[in-house]
Protein backbone atom coordinates (compact mmCIF):
# COMPACT_ATOMS: atom_id res chain seq x y z
CA MET A 1 19.25 11.58 9.92
CA ASN A 2 16.27 9.54 11.44
CA LEU A 3 16.20 6.95 8.29
CA ARG A 4 13.87 4.56 10.45
CA HIS A 5 11.67 7.45 11.31
CA ASP A 6 11.39 7.93 7.56
CA ALA A 7 10.72 4.65 6.99
CA GLU A 8 7.75 4.48 9.25
CA ILE A 9 6.30 7.65 7.84
CA ILE A 10 6.42 5.73 4.18
CA ILE A 11 5.14 2.65 5.36
CA GLN A 12 1.97 4.00 7.00
CA ALA A 13 1.21 6.64 4.40
CA SER A 14 1.56 4.22 1.51
CA ILE A 15 -1.10 1.54 3.26
CA GLN A 16 -3.37 4.20 4.05
CA ALA A 17 -3.37 5.00 0.35
CA VAL A 18 -4.67 1.69 -0.65
CA LEU A 19 -7.23 0.88 2.09
CA PRO A 20 -9.87 -0.48 0.66
CA ASP A 21 -12.72 2.01 1.89
CA GLU A 22 -12.40 4.74 -0.81
CA ALA A 23 -11.70 2.29 -3.25
CA VAL A 24 -15.11 0.16 -2.46
CA SER A 25 -17.18 3.47 -2.52
CA ARG A 26 -15.89 4.27 -5.86
CA ALA A 27 -16.80 0.90 -6.98
CA LEU A 28 -20.44 1.24 -5.57
CA GLU A 29 -21.01 4.98 -6.67
CA ASN A 30 -24.01 5.34 -8.48
CA LYS A 31 -24.50 1.69 -8.85
CA LYS A 32 -27.99 0.46 -9.17
CA PHE A 33 -28.99 -3.31 -8.56
CA ASP A 34 -32.19 -4.93 -9.71
CA SER A 35 -35.21 -5.29 -7.25
CA GLY A 36 -34.53 -8.85 -6.42
CA LYS A 37 -32.34 -9.79 -3.33
CA LEU A 38 -29.07 -8.56 -2.48
CA PHE A 39 -26.50 -10.82 -0.82
CA LEU A 40 -22.96 -10.28 0.20
CA VAL A 41 -19.87 -12.89 0.03
CA ALA A 42 -16.64 -11.16 0.97
CA ALA A 43 -13.28 -13.29 1.19
CA GLY A 44 -9.83 -12.47 1.93
CA LYS A 45 -7.32 -10.86 4.17
CA ALA A 46 -9.11 -7.43 3.39
CA ALA A 47 -12.62 -9.22 3.38
CA TRP A 48 -13.92 -7.42 6.73
CA GLN A 49 -12.76 -3.85 5.52
CA MET A 50 -14.41 -4.39 2.24
CA ALA A 51 -17.45 -5.78 3.73
CA TYR A 52 -17.89 -2.79 6.58
CA THR A 53 -17.69 -0.09 3.74
CA THR A 54 -20.19 -1.93 1.66
CA GLU A 55 -23.00 -2.10 4.48
CA LYS A 56 -22.68 1.35 5.49
CA ILE A 57 -23.42 2.33 1.98
CA LEU A 58 -25.96 -0.37 1.13
CA SER A 59 -27.41 -0.95 4.89
CA SER A 60 -31.28 -0.84 3.99
CA ARG A 61 -30.69 -2.86 0.93
CA LEU A 62 -28.50 -5.80 1.93
CA ASP A 63 -30.47 -8.96 2.80
CA GLY A 64 -27.84 -10.72 4.51
CA GLY A 65 -24.01 -12.35 3.67
CA ILE A 66 -20.84 -13.94 4.86
CA VAL A 67 -17.60 -12.38 5.73
CA ILE A 68 -14.46 -15.02 5.39
CA SER A 69 -10.84 -13.34 6.75
CA LYS A 70 -7.92 -14.43 8.43
CA TYR A 71 -7.75 -15.00 12.33
CA ASN A 72 -7.50 -11.76 14.16
CA HIS A 73 -8.60 -9.78 11.19
CA ILE A 74 -12.51 -9.34 11.95
CA LYS A 75 -12.42 -5.96 13.83
CA SER A 76 -16.04 -6.11 14.99
CA PRO A 77 -19.53 -7.62 14.05
CA ILE A 78 -21.39 -6.17 10.97
CA PRO A 79 -24.93 -5.83 10.96
CA LYS A 80 -26.95 -8.32 8.69
CA LEU A 81 -23.39 -10.30 7.93
CA THR A 82 -22.21 -13.23 9.61
CA CYS A 83 -18.52 -13.00 9.99
CA ILE A 84 -16.06 -15.88 10.14
CA GLU A 85 -12.45 -16.32 10.84
CA ALA A 86 -10.53 -19.01 9.05
CA GLY A 87 -7.30 -20.52 8.33
CA HIS A 88 -4.57 -18.98 5.93
CA PRO A 89 -2.36 -20.01 4.10
CA ILE A 90 -3.48 -23.51 4.85
CA PRO A 91 -7.43 -23.83 4.77
CA ASP A 92 -9.01 -25.33 7.96
CA GLU A 93 -12.53 -26.49 9.09
CA ASN A 94 -13.33 -22.73 9.51
CA SER A 95 -12.62 -22.20 6.06
CA PHE A 96 -14.77 -25.12 4.63
CA ARG A 97 -17.85 -23.98 7.33
CA ALA A 98 -17.35 -20.79 5.93
CA THR A 99 -17.59 -21.52 2.44
CA GLU A 100 -20.23 -23.88 2.59
CA ALA A 101 -22.52 -21.06 4.59
CA ALA A 102 -21.61 -18.80 1.40
CA ILE A 103 -23.24 -21.77 -0.80
CA GLN A 104 -26.12 -22.13 1.02
CA LEU A 105 -26.82 -18.34 0.72
CA VAL A 106 -26.61 -18.23 -2.86
CA ARG A 107 -28.80 -21.40 -3.48
CA ASN A 108 -32.31 -20.76 -5.17
CA LEU A 109 -31.25 -17.23 -6.67
CA THR A 110 -33.42 -15.94 -9.42
CA ALA A 111 -32.37 -13.77 -12.23
CA LYS A 112 -33.46 -10.46 -10.58
CA ASP A 113 -31.16 -11.45 -7.66
CA THR A 114 -27.45 -10.21 -6.92
CA VAL A 115 -24.36 -11.14 -5.02
CA ILE A 116 -21.72 -8.66 -4.23
CA PHE A 117 -18.31 -10.62 -3.98
CA LEU A 118 -15.54 -8.93 -2.45
CA LEU A 119 -12.25 -10.59 -2.98
CA SER A 120 -8.81 -9.59 -1.96
CA GLY A 121 -5.73 -11.77 -1.24
CA GLY A 122 -5.78 -14.64 0.93
CA ALA A 123 -9.19 -16.03 -0.59
CA SER A 124 -7.67 -18.98 -2.01
CA ALA A 125 -7.03 -20.55 1.56
CA LEU A 126 -10.07 -18.79 3.23
CA PHE A 127 -12.69 -19.53 0.42
CA GLU A 128 -12.34 -23.29 0.12
CA LYS A 129 -14.36 -26.48 -0.33
CA PRO A 130 -11.91 -29.05 -1.20
CA LEU A 131 -12.81 -32.02 -3.67
CA ILE A 132 -9.82 -34.19 -2.16
CA PRO A 133 -9.67 -34.79 1.77
CA SER A 134 -8.64 -31.41 3.84
CA GLU A 135 -5.51 -33.50 4.75
CA GLU A 136 -4.13 -33.86 1.51
CA LEU A 137 -5.31 -30.41 0.35
CA ALA A 138 -3.25 -29.08 3.47
CA ASP A 139 -0.24 -31.44 2.39
CA ILE A 140 -0.42 -30.04 -1.22
CA THR A 141 -0.46 -26.79 -0.51
CA ASN A 142 2.43 -27.17 2.38
CA GLN A 143 4.45 -29.10 -0.51
CA LEU A 144 4.03 -25.99 -2.80
CA LEU A 145 4.75 -23.15 -0.01
CA SER A 146 8.08 -25.47 0.76
CA CYS A 147 9.37 -25.91 -2.75
CA GLY A 148 8.85 -21.92 -3.62
CA ALA A 149 6.01 -22.17 -5.99
CA ASP A 150 4.95 -18.54 -6.96
CA ILE A 151 1.25 -18.00 -6.46
CA VAL A 152 0.12 -18.40 -10.39
CA GLU A 153 1.39 -21.74 -10.07
CA MET A 154 -0.36 -22.55 -6.70
CA ASN A 155 -3.65 -21.47 -7.77
CA THR A 156 -3.54 -23.23 -11.05
CA LEU A 157 -3.53 -26.35 -8.86
CA ARG A 158 -5.96 -25.28 -6.27
CA LYS A 159 -8.76 -24.58 -8.66
CA ARG A 160 -8.66 -28.05 -9.90
CA LEU A 161 -8.89 -29.28 -6.46
CA SER A 162 -11.65 -27.37 -5.29
CA ALA A 163 -15.67 -26.91 -5.76
CA VAL A 164 -15.59 -22.95 -5.77
CA LYS A 165 -12.41 -22.01 -7.77
CA GLY A 166 -12.01 -21.64 -11.40
CA GLY A 167 -15.36 -20.01 -11.86
CA LYS A 168 -17.52 -22.80 -9.95
CA PHE A 169 -18.90 -20.40 -7.61
CA ALA A 170 -20.35 -18.30 -10.48
CA ARG A 171 -21.92 -21.23 -11.90
CA LEU A 172 -23.58 -21.82 -7.99
CA CYS A 173 -25.03 -18.31 -8.19
CA GLU A 174 -26.57 -18.99 -11.52
CA PRO A 175 -28.84 -17.43 -12.73
CA ALA A 176 -28.25 -14.55 -10.14
CA HIS A 177 -25.74 -11.61 -11.37
CA ILE A 178 -22.59 -11.34 -9.54
CA TYR A 179 -20.96 -7.67 -8.89
CA CYS A 180 -17.27 -8.55 -8.20
CA ILE A 181 -15.18 -6.10 -6.58
CA VAL A 182 -11.46 -7.34 -6.38
CA LEU A 183 -8.28 -6.12 -4.41
CA SER A 184 -5.50 -7.60 -6.44
CA ASP A 185 -2.69 -9.43 -4.68
CA ILE A 186 -1.24 -10.78 -7.95
CA ILE A 187 1.26 -9.12 -10.36
CA GLY A 188 -0.52 -8.29 -13.53
CA ASP A 189 -3.94 -8.54 -12.24
CA PRO A 190 -5.06 -11.59 -13.83
CA LEU A 191 -8.61 -12.28 -12.65
CA ASP A 192 -8.77 -15.93 -13.17
CA MET A 193 -5.93 -16.05 -10.93
CA ILE A 194 -6.74 -13.72 -8.06
CA ALA A 195 -8.15 -16.02 -5.24
CA SER A 196 -8.06 -18.74 -8.02
CA GLY A 197 -10.94 -17.36 -9.86
CA PRO A 198 -14.03 -18.50 -8.06
CA VAL A 199 -16.36 -16.39 -10.22
CA TYR A 200 -14.07 -16.07 -13.59
CA PRO A 201 -13.54 -18.31 -16.28
CA ASP A 202 -10.22 -20.00 -16.14
CA SER A 203 -7.54 -19.70 -18.68
CA SER A 204 -5.18 -22.04 -17.62
CA THR A 205 -4.78 -25.61 -18.93
CA CYS A 206 -4.79 -29.40 -17.49
CA GLU A 207 -1.09 -29.53 -19.28
CA GLN A 208 -0.33 -26.54 -17.48
CA ALA A 209 -1.63 -28.06 -14.20
CA LEU A 210 0.20 -31.48 -14.44
CA ARG A 211 3.83 -29.75 -15.64
CA ILE A 212 3.62 -27.82 -12.32
CA ALA A 213 2.82 -30.94 -10.29
CA HIS A 214 5.55 -33.03 -11.99
CA LYS A 215 8.01 -29.62 -12.19
CA TYR A 216 8.21 -29.81 -8.09
CA ASN A 217 7.75 -33.52 -7.84
CA LEU A 218 4.50 -33.14 -6.09
CA LYS A 219 3.26 -36.45 -3.94
CA LEU A 220 -0.43 -36.55 -5.06
CA SER A 221 -2.92 -39.46 -4.62
CA ALA A 222 -4.61 -40.88 -7.65
CA LYS A 223 -8.10 -38.62 -7.37
CA ALA A 224 -5.69 -35.68 -7.27
CA TRP A 225 -4.35 -36.57 -10.46
CA ASP A 226 -7.52 -37.09 -12.02
CA LEU A 227 -8.72 -33.60 -10.98
CA LEU A 228 -5.82 -32.00 -12.34
CA LYS A 229 -6.59 -33.80 -15.82
CA THR A 230 -10.02 -32.52 -15.48
CA GLU A 231 -10.92 -29.11 -17.50
CA THR A 232 -11.95 -26.18 -16.17
CA ILE A 233 -14.90 -23.77 -16.82
CA LYS A 234 -14.21 -21.62 -20.04
CA ASN A 235 -17.40 -19.38 -20.33
CA ILE A 236 -19.14 -17.15 -17.59
CA THR A 237 -21.65 -14.89 -18.43
CA ASN A 238 -23.32 -13.67 -15.09
CA VAL A 239 -20.36 -11.90 -13.67
CA GLU A 240 -19.16 -7.94 -13.83
CA THR A 241 -16.00 -7.43 -12.54
CA ILE A 242 -13.82 -4.26 -11.07
CA ILE A 243 -10.32 -4.14 -9.78
CA THR A 244 -10.23 -1.52 -7.10
CA GLY A 245 -6.67 -1.76 -5.95
CA ASN A 246 -3.12 -3.39 -7.12
CA VAL A 247 0.41 -3.44 -6.35
CA HIS A 248 0.96 -0.67 -8.74
CA SER A 249 -1.17 1.93 -6.68
CA LEU A 250 1.07 0.85 -3.64
CA CYS A 251 3.97 1.87 -5.40
CA GLU A 252 2.84 4.70 -6.48
CA ALA A 253 1.67 5.72 -2.72
CA ALA A 254 5.21 5.14 -1.82
CA ALA A 255 6.65 7.31 -4.38
CA ILE A 256 4.55 10.12 -3.22
CA SER A 257 5.53 9.62 0.29
CA CYS A 258 9.49 9.39 -0.32
CA ALA A 259 9.24 12.64 -2.39
CA SER A 260 7.28 14.21 0.66
CA LEU A 261 10.32 13.60 2.74
CA GLY A 262 12.62 14.97 0.30
CA TYR A 263 13.77 11.61 -1.58
CA ARG A 264 13.92 11.44 -5.67
CA PRO A 265 11.40 8.24 -5.83
CA ILE A 266 12.46 5.43 -8.55
CA ILE A 267 10.09 2.57 -8.92
CA LEU A 268 12.22 0.22 -10.52
CA SER A 269 9.31 -2.61 -10.89
CA ASP A 270 6.04 -3.33 -9.60
CA GLN A 271 6.21 -6.77 -10.95
CA LEU A 272 9.05 -8.48 -8.69
CA THR A 273 8.78 -12.13 -8.79
CA CYS A 274 12.12 -13.41 -7.61
CA GLU A 275 13.51 -14.75 -4.82
CA ALA A 276 13.39 -12.77 -1.64
CA ARG A 277 17.00 -13.12 -0.64
CA GLU A 278 18.11 -12.23 -4.53
CA ALA A 279 15.65 -9.02 -4.29
CA GLY A 280 17.11 -7.93 -1.06
CA SER A 281 20.81 -8.45 -2.16
CA PHE A 282 19.90 -6.45 -5.50
CA LEU A 283 18.48 -3.67 -3.36
CA ALA A 284 21.45 -3.69 -1.44
CA SER A 285 23.75 -3.45 -4.34
CA ILE A 286 21.97 -0.50 -5.51
CA ALA A 287 22.71 1.18 -1.85
CA ARG A 288 26.47 0.67 -2.69
CA THR A 289 26.52 2.01 -6.20
CA HIS A 290 24.87 5.33 -4.80
CA ARG A 291 25.98 5.67 -1.56
CA TYR A 292 27.76 9.03 -2.43
CA SER A 293 24.77 10.33 -4.39
CA ASN A 294 24.45 14.17 -4.39
CA GLU A 295 20.86 13.71 -3.90
CA SER A 296 18.63 11.67 -1.67
CA LEU A 297 17.05 8.79 -3.29
CA ALA A 298 14.28 6.08 -2.51
CA PHE A 299 14.56 2.90 -4.88
CA ILE A 300 10.79 1.33 -4.71
CA VAL A 301 10.06 -2.47 -5.87
CA GLY A 302 6.76 -3.96 -5.69
CA GLY A 303 5.46 -7.51 -6.03
CA GLU A 304 5.51 -10.72 -4.28
CA THR A 305 9.15 -12.65 -3.87
CA VAL A 306 9.14 -16.20 -2.84
CA VAL A 307 11.00 -18.34 -0.46
CA HIS A 308 12.57 -21.86 -0.85
CA ILE A 309 12.41 -23.24 2.86
CA THR A 310 15.52 -24.83 3.64
CA GLY A 311 15.28 -24.80 7.54
CA LYS A 312 12.80 -24.72 10.74
CA GLY A 313 12.86 -21.31 11.57
CA LYS A 314 10.30 -18.47 11.69
CA GLY A 315 9.71 -15.62 8.88
CA GLY A 316 8.37 -14.58 5.81
CA ARG A 317 9.54 -13.56 2.69
CA ASN A 318 9.74 -9.58 3.57
CA GLN A 319 11.53 -10.36 6.45
CA GLU A 320 13.88 -12.82 4.49
CA LEU A 321 14.46 -9.88 1.96
CA ALA A 322 15.26 -7.30 4.49
CA LEU A 323 17.84 -9.85 6.30
CA ALA A 324 19.58 -10.80 3.18
CA ALA A 325 20.41 -7.19 2.39
CA ALA A 326 21.80 -6.43 5.56
CA PRO A 327 25.51 -7.97 4.96
CA PHE A 328 25.88 -5.26 2.02
CA LEU A 329 24.82 -2.42 4.04
CA SER A 330 27.61 -2.76 6.66
CA GLY A 331 29.59 0.41 6.54
CA ILE A 332 26.94 2.51 4.63
CA PRO A 333 25.45 4.65 7.48
CA ASN A 334 23.23 6.71 5.27
CA ALA A 335 21.23 3.78 3.60
CA VAL A 336 18.42 1.53 4.95
CA ILE A 337 16.09 -1.33 3.31
CA PHE A 338 12.68 -2.24 4.21
CA SER A 339 9.76 -4.48 3.15
CA VAL A 340 6.36 -4.72 4.13
CA GLY A 341 3.54 -6.83 3.41
CA SER A 342 0.50 -4.40 2.45
CA ASP A 343 -1.79 -6.49 4.67
CA GLY A 344 0.25 -6.25 7.99
CA THR A 345 1.40 -10.11 8.14
CA ASP A 346 4.46 -11.88 6.69
CA GLY A 347 4.62 -15.43 6.70
CA PRO A 348 3.48 -17.06 9.97
CA THR A 349 4.14 -14.10 12.14
CA GLU A 350 2.57 -10.87 13.32
CA ALA A 351 5.28 -8.73 12.10
CA ALA A 352 4.13 -7.17 8.43
CA GLY A 353 8.01 -7.10 7.21
CA GLY A 354 11.54 -6.16 8.07
CA TYR A 355 14.35 -3.43 8.46
CA VAL A 356 17.75 -3.32 8.32
CA ASP A 357 20.64 -0.97 7.99
CA SER A 358 24.52 -0.57 8.70
CA LYS A 359 24.30 -2.00 12.36
CA THR A 360 22.09 -5.04 11.62
CA CYS A 361 24.94 -7.61 10.91
CA GLU A 362 27.25 -5.67 13.48
CA THR A 363 24.61 -6.66 16.29
CA LEU A 364 23.91 -9.90 15.36
CA LYS A 365 27.57 -10.68 15.35
CA GLN A 366 27.92 -9.41 19.05
CA ASN A 367 25.34 -12.08 19.82
CA GLY A 368 27.22 -14.93 17.87
CA LEU A 369 24.81 -15.02 14.94
CA ASN A 370 25.79 -15.09 11.07
CA VAL A 371 23.25 -13.81 8.76
CA TYR A 372 23.83 -16.37 6.05
CA ASP A 373 23.49 -19.10 8.71
CA ILE A 374 19.89 -17.56 9.69
CA LEU A 375 18.85 -17.64 6.09
CA LYS A 376 19.46 -21.16 5.51
CA GLU A 377 17.43 -21.74 8.72
CA ASN A 378 14.61 -19.45 7.43
CA ASN A 379 15.02 -17.76 10.76
CA SER A 380 14.74 -13.95 9.72
CA TYR A 381 11.72 -13.31 12.65
CA HIS A 382 14.04 -13.88 15.42
CA ALA A 383 17.15 -12.63 13.91
CA LEU A 384 15.33 -9.16 13.04
CA LYS A 385 13.44 -9.11 16.45
CA LEU A 386 16.98 -9.07 18.00
CA THR A 387 18.09 -6.06 16.00
CA ASN A 388 14.86 -4.10 16.60
CA GLY A 389 14.52 -4.69 12.86
CA LEU A 390 10.60 -6.19 12.91
CA ILE A 391 7.82 -4.19 11.29
CA ILE A 392 4.74 -4.34 13.31
CA THR A 393 1.54 -2.56 11.74
CA GLY A 394 -1.15 -5.09 12.62
CA ALA A 395 -3.80 -6.07 10.24
CA THR A 396 -4.37 -3.30 7.88
CA GLY A 397 -7.49 -4.41 6.44
CA THR A 398 -5.90 -4.52 2.77
CA ASN A 399 -3.87 -6.79 0.71
CA VAL A 400 -2.29 -5.61 -2.49
CA ASN A 401 1.37 -7.60 -2.66
CA ASP A 402 4.26 -6.24 -0.72
CA PHE A 403 6.59 -3.33 -1.49
CA SER A 404 10.50 -2.76 -0.73
CA VAL A 405 12.21 0.59 -0.08
CA LEU A 406 15.39 1.50 -0.24
CA LEU A 407 16.14 4.80 1.29
CA ILE A 408 19.59 6.95 0.75
CA ARG A 409 20.21 10.22 2.10
CA LYS A 410 22.73 12.48 0.87
CA LEU A 411 25.54 12.75 2.94
């Protein structure tokens, strides 16, 4: 009963199924562009992979472009394209420099010209030109991350503090046409929230933005408060968008892989948005209910949980989800839980996620550690490293949220 081996197979197969190569190829298949100039702008954790595939298809047609991705996510140079690595989840000077280069690239285009805009998760930080000092933007981002704000709440504020979000980049490209290819990392695929909607009209309101700021008692400058009160763009006519992948397709791929290994897959949800710890304990409670099942089962959830930071440890939402499940798996040798970020990174760590089984808590206890103390310090990374529970995939080239799986083998 090698459940860890099964988990590794499922993780690899699931991520492989949502890599952007085939999806981008489908989006460009039989696509005709006007006779004008053709530029490419790619931003996000999957930007390099998406741009690499696009350049292979359109190499003779492309006139140039900018690729902006997270550090250690640019695999090699791409002909005709400038590749820049930048900060995530906090934008840095490279984010601003790369975004300014993209702005200069699309200046003075005509109605015959086209910008292929490739978007994936992480672009909210990577594609940025702030309307407030960069230090304040970093502080606001840290405040939102620390208080557990979800991605929609964060992006509602981000687009008002930016010169390129909330449809503003589309305006900068006018009158050129934009063909936007999206890997969605937000549940429900709201186009105005993915990467804070650089080329999509904003559906959120100033009232909502102000409510979020008050909800989390954010400390903002007078300039930032004024920007939150400024209405965003509500009408854009020069953009065509296609979504090439999302968390639902990730969960479906996981289900197919689980079935191939003899499990009956059950997708519980592809819209998970709760606390990471709550999701972990919930999955573990299902393990306790079905531990004596007369068939092997796989329970799958996808989405994006949140973490309230109470300590100074190291970890990520997927690692915290897994570790929170560990106490409830003690004494259940036929069940494991793992949780993975499809981009291959989880929080500020090199791990993609975490894996726990019936022996995790025992190992921690032997080393004088308690799961609840570890979670209080948000130190899941070091705990899982000690128990050989870190999942390391490296940068995957895609980003369509996270998925978590409970495997129960028939005894």
